[in-house]
Amino acid sequence: MKLITKYMLLTATLLFISGCGYKLMTKAEMPYTSIRIGKILNTTSTPKLQDMLYEALATEFLKRGVTISDSAEYVLEGKIYFYMLTAVAEKKKYAAEYEIAINGSFKLTDKNGVIIKEIKDMSSPFIESFESQDAVNSIIASKEQQNEAAMGDVAAYLVYEMTSSLKEPKKDTPQ
């Protein structure tokens, strides 16, 4: 009985993964082997979002085998133009749960400035929720951690879109 359940669960998982639209890419299938992360503008009133996103992008690209190089053929740049921290639940007249929403626009260009891929008005599902009923210091610390987590989500989405969804993969090769 347990063996049948395991096979059914494995089959259901494989069907879900194969039908979700995501595809595992090998390093050889990547459209480029290096990238330059250009200017990330932060036009919100929340400081350091651009630094958090730059760091998250670098980490995410490196996870996928793409190196960060100032001499890369492709450049990713963009702008974070909306950030909102909202209390979504309260307990005893104090905010107990918050969510973070982030919006931005990004583009991947080649060394000649030709836009290869552009994502305008990227918005949710980049929402991170956290709870806090403690002192202000712990709320601020939790907010910073969740800002980093939200930027990690944004970076994962951008790296996916800027790699696997390109129509014609290109390689960084000297010519």
N, C-alpha and C. Protein backbone atom coordinates (compact mmCIF):
# COMPACT_ATOMS: atom_id res chain seq x y z
N MET A 1 0.82 -1.18 0.00
CA MET A 1 0.00 0.00 0.00
C MET A 1 0.87 1.26 0.00
N LYS A 2 1.91 1.26 0.83
CA LYS A 2 2.79 2.42 0.89
C LYS A 2 3.53 2.62 -0.43
N LEU A 3 3.90 1.55 -1.10
CA LEU A 3 4.62 1.62 -2.36
C LEU A 3 3.76 2.27 -3.44
N ILE A 4 2.49 1.93 -3.49
CA ILE A 4 1.57 2.52 -4.46
C ILE A 4 1.43 4.02 -4.19
N THR A 5 1.32 4.40 -2.95
CA THR A 5 1.19 5.81 -2.58
C THR A 5 2.44 6.59 -2.99
N LYS A 6 3.60 6.01 -2.78
CA LYS A 6 4.85 6.67 -3.16
C LYS A 6 4.91 6.88 -4.67
N TYR A 7 4.53 5.86 -5.45
CA TYR A 7 4.54 5.98 -6.91
C TYR A 7 3.52 7.01 -7.39
N MET A 8 2.38 7.04 -6.77
CA MET A 8 1.35 8.02 -7.15
C MET A 8 1.84 9.44 -6.86
N LEU A 9 2.47 9.62 -5.71
CA LEU A 9 3.00 10.93 -5.35
C LEU A 9 4.12 11.34 -6.29
N LEU A 10 5.00 10.42 -6.62
CA LEU A 10 6.09 10.70 -7.55
C LEU A 10 5.55 11.04 -8.93
N THR A 11 4.57 10.29 -9.40
CA THR A 11 3.96 10.55 -10.70
C THR A 11 3.29 11.92 -10.73
N ALA A 12 2.55 12.24 -9.68
CA ALA A 12 1.87 13.54 -9.60
C ALA A 12 2.89 14.68 -9.59
N THR A 13 3.98 14.52 -8.87
CA THR A 13 5.03 15.53 -8.82
C THR A 13 5.66 15.72 -10.19
N LEU A 14 5.99 14.64 -10.85
CA LEU A 14 6.60 14.74 -12.18
C LEU A 14 5.65 15.38 -13.19
N LEU A 15 4.37 15.05 -13.13
CA LEU A 15 3.40 15.68 -14.02
C LEU A 15 3.28 17.17 -13.75
N PHE A 16 3.29 17.54 -12.48
CA PHE A 16 3.20 18.95 -12.12
C PHE A 16 4.42 19.72 -12.64
N ILE A 17 5.60 19.19 -12.39
CA ILE A 17 6.83 19.86 -12.81
C ILE A 17 6.89 19.96 -14.33
N SER A 18 6.50 18.92 -15.03
CA SER A 18 6.59 18.96 -16.50
C SER A 18 5.57 19.90 -17.10
N GLY A 19 4.49 20.18 -16.41
CA GLY A 19 3.45 21.03 -16.97
C GLY A 19 3.47 22.46 -16.47
N CYS A 20 4.39 22.83 -15.62
CA CYS A 20 4.35 24.16 -15.02
C CYS A 20 5.02 25.23 -15.86
N GLY A 21 5.66 24.87 -16.95
CA GLY A 21 6.27 25.87 -17.80
C GLY A 21 7.73 26.13 -17.49
N TYR A 22 8.23 25.63 -16.38
CA TYR A 22 9.63 25.82 -16.05
C TYR A 22 10.43 24.67 -16.62
N LYS A 23 11.67 24.97 -16.94
CA LYS A 23 12.54 23.96 -17.54
C LYS A 23 13.91 24.09 -16.91
N LEU A 24 14.50 22.98 -16.56
CA LEU A 24 15.86 23.01 -16.04
C LEU A 24 16.81 23.26 -17.20
N MET A 25 17.73 24.19 -17.02
CA MET A 25 18.69 24.50 -18.08
C MET A 25 20.08 24.10 -17.62
N THR A 26 20.80 23.49 -18.53
CA THR A 26 22.19 23.21 -18.23
C THR A 26 23.00 24.47 -18.52
N LYS A 27 24.21 24.51 -18.04
CA LYS A 27 25.07 25.67 -18.29
C LYS A 27 25.29 25.89 -19.79
N ALA A 28 25.36 24.79 -20.54
CA ALA A 28 25.57 24.90 -22.00
C ALA A 28 24.37 25.52 -22.71
N GLU A 29 23.19 25.42 -22.12
CA GLU A 29 21.98 25.97 -22.74
C GLU A 29 21.75 27.44 -22.40
N MET A 30 22.54 27.98 -21.50
CA MET A 30 22.36 29.37 -21.10
C MET A 30 22.64 30.28 -22.30
N PRO A 31 21.86 31.37 -22.45
CA PRO A 31 22.05 32.25 -23.60
C PRO A 31 23.33 33.08 -23.53
N TYR A 32 23.96 33.13 -22.38
CA TYR A 32 25.22 33.84 -22.24
C TYR A 32 25.95 33.28 -21.03
N THR A 33 27.26 33.46 -21.00
CA THR A 33 28.06 32.92 -19.91
C THR A 33 28.48 33.98 -18.91
N SER A 34 28.35 35.26 -19.30
CA SER A 34 28.67 36.34 -18.36
C SER A 34 27.73 37.50 -18.63
N ILE A 35 27.57 38.32 -17.62
CA ILE A 35 26.67 39.47 -17.71
C ILE A 35 27.24 40.59 -16.85
N ARG A 36 26.91 41.80 -17.24
CA ARG A 36 27.25 42.97 -16.41
C ARG A 36 25.96 43.47 -15.82
N ILE A 37 25.96 43.68 -14.53
CA ILE A 37 24.80 44.28 -13.88
C ILE A 37 25.05 45.78 -13.89
N GLY A 38 24.28 46.48 -14.69
CA GLY A 38 24.44 47.92 -14.83
C GLY A 38 23.78 48.66 -13.69
N LYS A 39 23.39 49.87 -13.97
CA LYS A 39 22.81 50.74 -12.95
C LYS A 39 21.41 50.25 -12.57
N ILE A 40 21.21 50.09 -11.29
CA ILE A 40 19.90 49.79 -10.72
C ILE A 40 19.47 51.05 -9.97
N LEU A 41 18.47 51.74 -10.48
CA LEU A 41 18.00 52.96 -9.85
C LEU A 41 16.92 52.63 -8.82
N ASN A 42 16.94 53.36 -7.75
CA ASN A 42 15.92 53.24 -6.71
C ASN A 42 15.28 54.61 -6.55
N THR A 43 14.08 54.77 -7.11
CA THR A 43 13.41 56.07 -7.01
C THR A 43 12.38 56.09 -5.89
N THR A 44 12.42 55.08 -5.03
CA THR A 44 11.53 55.06 -3.87
C THR A 44 12.19 55.82 -2.72
N SER A 45 11.45 56.00 -1.67
CA SER A 45 12.03 56.67 -0.50
C SER A 45 12.69 55.67 0.46
N THR A 46 12.69 54.40 0.11
CA THR A 46 13.30 53.38 0.96
C THR A 46 14.76 53.19 0.55
N PRO A 47 15.67 53.45 1.47
CA PRO A 47 17.10 53.36 1.12
C PRO A 47 17.58 51.93 0.91
N LYS A 48 18.63 51.79 0.11
CA LYS A 48 19.39 50.56 -0.09
C LYS A 48 18.72 49.46 -0.88
N LEU A 49 17.53 49.70 -1.43
CA LEU A 49 16.89 48.64 -2.21
C LEU A 49 17.73 48.26 -3.42
N GLN A 50 18.34 49.27 -4.06
CA GLN A 50 19.16 48.99 -5.25
C GLN A 50 20.37 48.13 -4.89
N ASP A 51 20.95 48.36 -3.73
CA ASP A 51 22.09 47.55 -3.29
C ASP A 51 21.67 46.11 -3.01
N MET A 52 20.50 45.97 -2.36
CA MET A 52 19.99 44.63 -2.07
C MET A 52 19.69 43.87 -3.35
N LEU A 53 19.11 44.56 -4.35
CA LEU A 53 18.78 43.90 -5.60
C LEU A 53 20.05 43.54 -6.37
N TYR A 54 21.03 44.42 -6.40
CA TYR A 54 22.30 44.13 -7.07
C TYR A 54 22.92 42.87 -6.49
N GLU A 55 22.97 42.81 -5.18
CA GLU A 55 23.54 41.64 -4.48
C GLU A 55 22.74 40.38 -4.79
N ALA A 56 21.42 40.48 -4.77
CA ALA A 56 20.57 39.32 -5.05
C ALA A 56 20.72 38.86 -6.50
N LEU A 57 20.83 39.79 -7.43
CA LEU A 57 21.04 39.44 -8.84
C LEU A 57 22.36 38.72 -9.04
N ALA A 58 23.41 39.25 -8.45
CA ALA A 58 24.73 38.63 -8.57
C ALA A 58 24.69 37.20 -8.03
N THR A 59 24.07 37.02 -6.89
CA THR A 59 23.97 35.69 -6.29
C THR A 59 23.18 34.75 -7.19
N GLU A 60 22.06 35.22 -7.70
CA GLU A 60 21.20 34.38 -8.53
C GLU A 60 21.87 34.01 -9.85
N PHE A 61 22.55 34.96 -10.49
CA PHE A 61 23.26 34.63 -11.73
C PHE A 61 24.37 33.61 -11.46
N LEU A 62 25.11 33.81 -10.38
CA LEU A 62 26.19 32.88 -10.06
C LEU A 62 25.66 31.48 -9.79
N LYS A 63 24.49 31.37 -9.15
CA LYS A 63 23.87 30.06 -8.92
C LYS A 63 23.61 29.34 -10.23
N ARG A 64 23.35 30.09 -11.28
CA ARG A 64 23.02 29.51 -12.58
C ARG A 64 24.24 29.40 -13.49
N GLY A 65 25.42 29.68 -12.95
CA GLY A 65 26.65 29.52 -13.72
C GLY A 65 27.01 30.69 -14.61
N VAL A 66 26.37 31.83 -14.42
CA VAL A 66 26.66 33.03 -15.21
C VAL A 66 27.55 33.93 -14.35
N THR A 67 28.72 34.28 -14.88
CA THR A 67 29.64 35.13 -14.12
C THR A 67 29.27 36.61 -14.31
N ILE A 68 29.67 37.40 -13.35
CA ILE A 68 29.45 38.85 -13.39
C ILE A 68 30.77 39.47 -13.84
N SER A 69 30.71 40.22 -14.96
CA SER A 69 31.93 40.79 -15.53
C SER A 69 31.64 42.15 -16.13
N ASP A 70 32.55 43.10 -15.90
CA ASP A 70 32.41 44.43 -16.49
C ASP A 70 32.59 44.41 -18.01
N SER A 71 33.19 43.35 -18.54
CA SER A 71 33.42 43.27 -19.99
C SER A 71 32.42 42.36 -20.70
N ALA A 72 31.35 41.98 -20.02
CA ALA A 72 30.36 41.09 -20.62
C ALA A 72 29.63 41.76 -21.78
N GLU A 73 29.16 40.94 -22.69
CA GLU A 73 28.45 41.45 -23.87
C GLU A 73 27.06 41.96 -23.51
N TYR A 74 26.44 41.42 -22.48
CA TYR A 74 25.09 41.78 -22.10
C TYR A 74 25.07 42.54 -20.78
N VAL A 75 24.13 43.49 -20.69
CA VAL A 75 24.00 44.34 -19.50
C VAL A 75 22.55 44.29 -19.03
N LEU A 76 22.36 44.06 -17.75
CA LEU A 76 21.04 44.12 -17.14
C LEU A 76 20.99 45.38 -16.29
N GLU A 77 19.98 46.20 -16.52
CA GLU A 77 19.80 47.41 -15.72
C GLU A 77 18.33 47.66 -15.53
N GLY A 78 18.00 48.53 -14.57
CA GLY A 78 16.60 48.79 -14.34
C GLY A 78 16.34 49.81 -13.27
N LYS A 79 15.07 49.88 -12.89
CA LYS A 79 14.64 50.88 -11.92
C LYS A 79 13.57 50.27 -11.01
N ILE A 80 13.76 50.48 -9.72
CA ILE A 80 12.74 50.14 -8.73
C ILE A 80 11.99 51.45 -8.47
N TYR A 81 10.71 51.50 -8.81
CA TYR A 81 10.00 52.77 -8.68
C TYR A 81 8.84 52.73 -7.69
N PHE A 82 8.59 51.57 -7.11
CA PHE A 82 7.50 51.49 -6.13
C PHE A 82 7.89 50.52 -5.03
N TYR A 83 7.67 50.92 -3.82
CA TYR A 83 7.90 50.07 -2.65
C TYR A 83 6.84 50.45 -1.63
N MET A 84 6.17 49.43 -1.11
CA MET A 84 5.18 49.73 -0.08
C MET A 84 5.20 48.65 0.99
N LEU A 85 5.27 49.09 2.21
CA LEU A 85 5.16 48.22 3.37
C LEU A 85 3.77 48.48 3.94
N THR A 86 2.96 47.45 4.01
CA THR A 86 1.58 47.62 4.44
C THR A 86 1.28 46.68 5.59
N ALA A 87 0.61 47.21 6.61
CA ALA A 87 0.12 46.36 7.69
C ALA A 87 -1.15 45.69 7.20
N VAL A 88 -1.19 44.37 7.25
CA VAL A 88 -2.35 43.64 6.74
C VAL A 88 -3.16 42.96 7.84
N ALA A 89 -2.62 42.92 9.03
CA ALA A 89 -3.35 42.33 10.15
C ALA A 89 -2.90 43.00 11.44
N GLU A 90 -3.82 43.06 12.37
CA GLU A 90 -3.46 43.64 13.66
C GLU A 90 -4.01 42.79 14.79
N LYS A 91 -3.30 42.88 15.91
CA LYS A 91 -3.71 42.21 17.13
C LYS A 91 -3.57 43.22 18.26
N LYS A 92 -4.63 43.37 19.03
CA LYS A 92 -4.62 44.30 20.17
C LYS A 92 -4.20 45.70 19.74
N LYS A 93 -4.74 46.17 18.63
CA LYS A 93 -4.51 47.51 18.09
C LYS A 93 -3.09 47.77 17.62
N TYR A 94 -2.29 46.73 17.48
CA TYR A 94 -0.93 46.87 16.94
C TYR A 94 -0.84 46.07 15.65
N ALA A 95 -0.09 46.59 14.70
CA ALA A 95 0.12 45.87 13.46
C ALA A 95 0.89 44.58 13.77
N ALA A 96 0.35 43.47 13.33
CA ALA A 96 0.96 42.18 13.63
C ALA A 96 1.52 41.48 12.38
N GLU A 97 1.03 41.87 11.23
CA GLU A 97 1.53 41.27 10.00
C GLU A 97 1.64 42.36 8.94
N TYR A 98 2.75 42.31 8.21
CA TYR A 98 3.03 43.30 7.18
C TYR A 98 3.32 42.58 5.87
N GLU A 99 3.16 43.29 4.76
CA GLU A 99 3.62 42.75 3.49
C GLU A 99 4.35 43.84 2.71
N ILE A 100 5.28 43.38 1.87
CA ILE A 100 6.11 44.29 1.08
C ILE A 100 5.77 44.07 -0.39
N ALA A 101 5.45 45.15 -1.09
CA ALA A 101 5.20 45.06 -2.53
C ALA A 101 6.22 45.93 -3.24
N ILE A 102 6.78 45.41 -4.34
CA ILE A 102 7.83 46.10 -5.09
C ILE A 102 7.48 46.07 -6.57
N ASN A 103 7.66 47.19 -7.25
CA ASN A 103 7.46 47.27 -8.70
C ASN A 103 8.69 47.88 -9.34
N GLY A 104 8.95 47.49 -10.59
CA GLY A 104 10.09 48.05 -11.30
C GLY A 104 10.05 47.71 -12.78
N SER A 105 10.97 48.27 -13.52
CA SER A 105 11.15 47.98 -14.94
C SER A 105 12.61 47.66 -15.18
N PHE A 106 12.87 46.68 -16.06
CA PHE A 106 14.23 46.21 -16.28
C PHE A 106 14.44 45.87 -17.75
N LYS A 107 15.70 45.95 -18.19
CA LYS A 107 16.00 45.58 -19.57
C LYS A 107 17.38 44.95 -19.66
N LEU A 108 17.48 44.06 -20.63
CA LEU A 108 18.74 43.40 -20.96
C LEU A 108 19.15 43.95 -22.32
N THR A 109 20.34 44.53 -22.39
CA THR A 109 20.83 45.09 -23.65
C THR A 109 22.14 44.43 -24.03
N ASP A 110 22.49 44.52 -25.32
CA ASP A 110 23.78 44.03 -25.74
C ASP A 110 24.80 45.17 -25.65
N LYS A 111 26.04 44.89 -26.04
CA LYS A 111 27.10 45.89 -25.89
C LYS A 111 26.88 47.13 -26.74
N ASN A 112 26.00 47.03 -27.76
CA ASN A 112 25.69 48.18 -28.62
C ASN A 112 24.46 48.95 -28.14
N GLY A 113 23.89 48.55 -27.01
CA GLY A 113 22.72 49.23 -26.48
C GLY A 113 21.40 48.75 -27.06
N VAL A 114 21.43 47.69 -27.87
CA VAL A 114 20.20 47.15 -28.44
C VAL A 114 19.47 46.35 -27.35
N ILE A 115 18.20 46.64 -27.17
CA ILE A 115 17.42 45.95 -26.14
C ILE A 115 17.11 44.53 -26.62
N ILE A 116 17.54 43.56 -25.82
CA ILE A 116 17.33 42.15 -26.12
C ILE A 116 16.02 41.68 -25.48
N LYS A 117 15.79 42.10 -24.26
CA LYS A 117 14.59 41.71 -23.51
C LYS A 117 14.26 42.85 -22.56
N GLU A 118 12.97 43.17 -22.46
CA GLU A 118 12.56 44.25 -21.57
C GLU A 118 11.34 43.80 -20.78
N ILE A 119 11.36 44.11 -19.50
CA ILE A 119 10.22 43.84 -18.62
C ILE A 119 9.79 45.17 -18.04
N LYS A 120 8.65 45.65 -18.50
CA LYS A 120 8.12 46.92 -18.02
C LYS A 120 7.08 46.65 -16.94
N ASP A 121 7.07 47.49 -15.95
CA ASP A 121 6.04 47.44 -14.90
C ASP A 121 5.92 46.08 -14.24
N MET A 122 7.07 45.48 -13.88
CA MET A 122 7.07 44.23 -13.13
C MET A 122 6.46 44.52 -11.76
N SER A 123 5.55 43.68 -11.33
CA SER A 123 4.94 43.89 -10.03
C SER A 123 4.74 42.57 -9.32
N SER A 124 3.90 42.56 -8.31
CA SER A 124 3.65 41.37 -7.54
C SER A 124 3.58 40.17 -8.48
N PRO A 125 3.97 39.01 -8.08
CA PRO A 125 3.86 38.41 -6.77
C PRO A 125 5.04 38.60 -5.83
N PHE A 126 5.76 39.68 -5.93
CA PHE A 126 6.91 39.87 -5.05
C PHE A 126 6.46 40.48 -3.74
N ILE A 127 5.75 39.69 -2.96
CA ILE A 127 5.23 40.15 -1.68
C ILE A 127 5.78 39.23 -0.60
N GLU A 128 6.36 39.82 0.38
CA GLU A 128 6.90 39.08 1.52
C GLU A 128 6.11 39.48 2.76
N SER A 129 5.65 38.50 3.49
CA SER A 129 4.91 38.80 4.71
C SER A 129 5.76 38.45 5.92
N PHE A 130 5.62 39.25 6.94
CA PHE A 130 6.27 38.92 8.20
C PHE A 130 5.43 39.42 9.35
N GLU A 131 5.58 38.77 10.47
CA GLU A 131 4.81 39.13 11.65
C GLU A 131 5.74 39.64 12.73
N SER A 132 5.24 40.58 13.51
CA SER A 132 6.02 41.05 14.65
C SER A 132 5.10 41.69 15.67
N GLN A 133 5.27 41.28 16.90
CA GLN A 133 4.54 41.90 18.00
C GLN A 133 5.54 42.44 19.02
N ASP A 134 6.80 42.48 18.63
CA ASP A 134 7.86 42.85 19.55
C ASP A 134 8.16 44.33 19.49
N ALA A 135 9.28 44.70 20.06
CA ALA A 135 9.72 46.09 20.10
C ALA A 135 10.07 46.58 18.70
N VAL A 136 10.15 47.88 18.56
CA VAL A 136 10.42 48.52 17.28
C VAL A 136 11.72 48.01 16.66
N ASN A 137 12.75 47.77 17.46
CA ASN A 137 14.04 47.29 16.93
C ASN A 137 13.89 45.96 16.20
N SER A 138 13.11 45.04 16.75
CA SER A 138 12.96 43.74 16.09
C SER A 138 12.09 43.88 14.84
N ILE A 139 11.15 44.81 14.84
CA ILE A 139 10.34 45.05 13.64
C ILE A 139 11.24 45.57 12.52
N ILE A 140 12.13 46.50 12.84
CA ILE A 140 13.04 47.04 11.84
C ILE A 140 13.97 45.95 11.31
N ALA A 141 14.48 45.10 12.21
CA ALA A 141 15.36 44.00 11.78
C ALA A 141 14.59 43.03 10.88
N SER A 142 13.35 42.71 11.24
CA SER A 142 12.54 41.82 10.42
C SER A 142 12.26 42.45 9.06
N LYS A 143 12.02 43.75 9.05
CA LYS A 143 11.75 44.45 7.78
C LYS A 143 12.97 44.35 6.86
N GLU A 144 14.16 44.55 7.39
CA GLU A 144 15.38 44.45 6.57
C GLU A 144 15.54 43.05 5.99
N GLN A 145 15.32 42.04 6.82
CA GLN A 145 15.43 40.65 6.34
C GLN A 145 14.41 40.38 5.25
N GLN A 146 13.20 40.86 5.42
CA GLN A 146 12.16 40.62 4.43
C GLN A 146 12.39 41.44 3.16
N ASN A 147 12.99 42.63 3.29
CA ASN A 147 13.37 43.39 2.10
C ASN A 147 14.36 42.59 1.27
N GLU A 148 15.34 41.99 1.94
CA GLU A 148 16.32 41.16 1.24
C GLU A 148 15.67 39.94 0.60
N ALA A 149 14.70 39.34 1.30
CA ALA A 149 13.99 38.18 0.74
C ALA A 149 13.17 38.61 -0.48
N ALA A 150 12.52 39.76 -0.39
CA ALA A 150 11.74 40.26 -1.53
C ALA A 150 12.64 40.54 -2.72
N MET A 151 13.82 41.12 -2.48
CA MET A 151 14.76 41.37 -3.57
C MET A 151 15.29 40.06 -4.15
N GLY A 152 15.41 39.04 -3.32
CA GLY A 152 15.80 37.72 -3.80
C GLY A 152 14.74 37.16 -4.75
N ASP A 153 13.46 37.36 -4.42
CA ASP A 153 12.37 36.92 -5.29
C ASP A 153 12.40 37.68 -6.61
N VAL A 154 12.61 39.00 -6.53
CA VAL A 154 12.69 39.81 -7.75
C VAL A 154 13.85 39.33 -8.61
N ALA A 155 15.01 39.10 -7.99
CA ALA A 155 16.20 38.65 -8.72
C ALA A 155 15.96 37.30 -9.38
N ALA A 156 15.35 36.36 -8.67
CA ALA A 156 15.09 35.04 -9.25
C ALA A 156 14.18 35.15 -10.47
N TYR A 157 13.17 35.98 -10.38
CA TYR A 157 12.27 36.19 -11.51
C TYR A 157 13.01 36.82 -12.69
N LEU A 158 13.79 37.86 -12.41
CA LEU A 158 14.51 38.55 -13.48
C LEU A 158 15.53 37.64 -14.16
N VAL A 159 16.28 36.89 -13.39
CA VAL A 159 17.29 36.00 -13.97
C VAL A 159 16.61 34.94 -14.82
N TYR A 160 15.51 34.41 -14.35
CA TYR A 160 14.77 33.43 -15.14
C TYR A 160 14.33 34.06 -16.46
N GLU A 161 13.70 35.21 -16.38
CA GLU A 161 13.19 35.88 -17.58
C GLU A 161 14.31 36.31 -18.53
N MET A 162 15.44 36.72 -17.99
CA MET A 162 16.53 37.22 -18.82
C MET A 162 17.43 36.10 -19.35
N THR A 163 17.15 34.86 -18.98
CA THR A 163 17.95 33.76 -19.51
C THR A 163 17.10 32.78 -20.28
N SER A 164 16.20 32.11 -19.61
CA SER A 164 15.49 31.00 -20.24
C SER A 164 14.43 31.42 -21.23
N SER A 165 13.98 32.65 -21.18
CA SER A 165 12.92 33.04 -22.10
C SER A 165 13.44 33.77 -23.34
N LEU A 166 14.75 33.91 -23.49
CA LEU A 166 15.28 34.53 -24.69
C LEU A 166 15.06 33.60 -25.88
N LYS A 167 14.67 34.17 -27.00
CA LYS A 167 14.32 33.35 -28.16
C LYS A 167 15.53 32.70 -28.80
N GLU A 168 16.57 33.45 -29.03
CA GLU A 168 17.75 32.89 -29.68
C GLU A 168 18.95 33.01 -28.75
N PRO A 169 19.32 31.91 -28.11
CA PRO A 169 20.48 31.97 -27.21
C PRO A 169 21.73 32.40 -27.94
N LYS A 170 22.50 33.24 -27.27
CA LYS A 170 23.79 33.69 -27.82
C LYS A 170 24.86 33.40 -26.80
N LYS A 171 26.05 33.22 -27.25
CA LYS A 171 27.17 32.94 -26.37
C LYS A 171 28.12 34.13 -26.36
N ASP A 172 28.74 34.36 -25.22
CA ASP A 172 29.79 35.37 -25.13
C ASP A 172 31.06 34.76 -25.69
N THR A 173 31.36 35.01 -26.92
CA THR A 173 32.58 34.48 -27.51
C THR A 173 33.34 35.61 -28.18
N PRO A 174 34.64 35.63 -28.02
CA PRO A 174 35.43 36.68 -28.68
C PRO A 174 35.35 36.52 -30.20
N GLN A 175 35.26 37.65 -30.90
CA GLN A 175 35.17 37.58 -32.35
C GLN A 175 36.28 38.35 -33.00
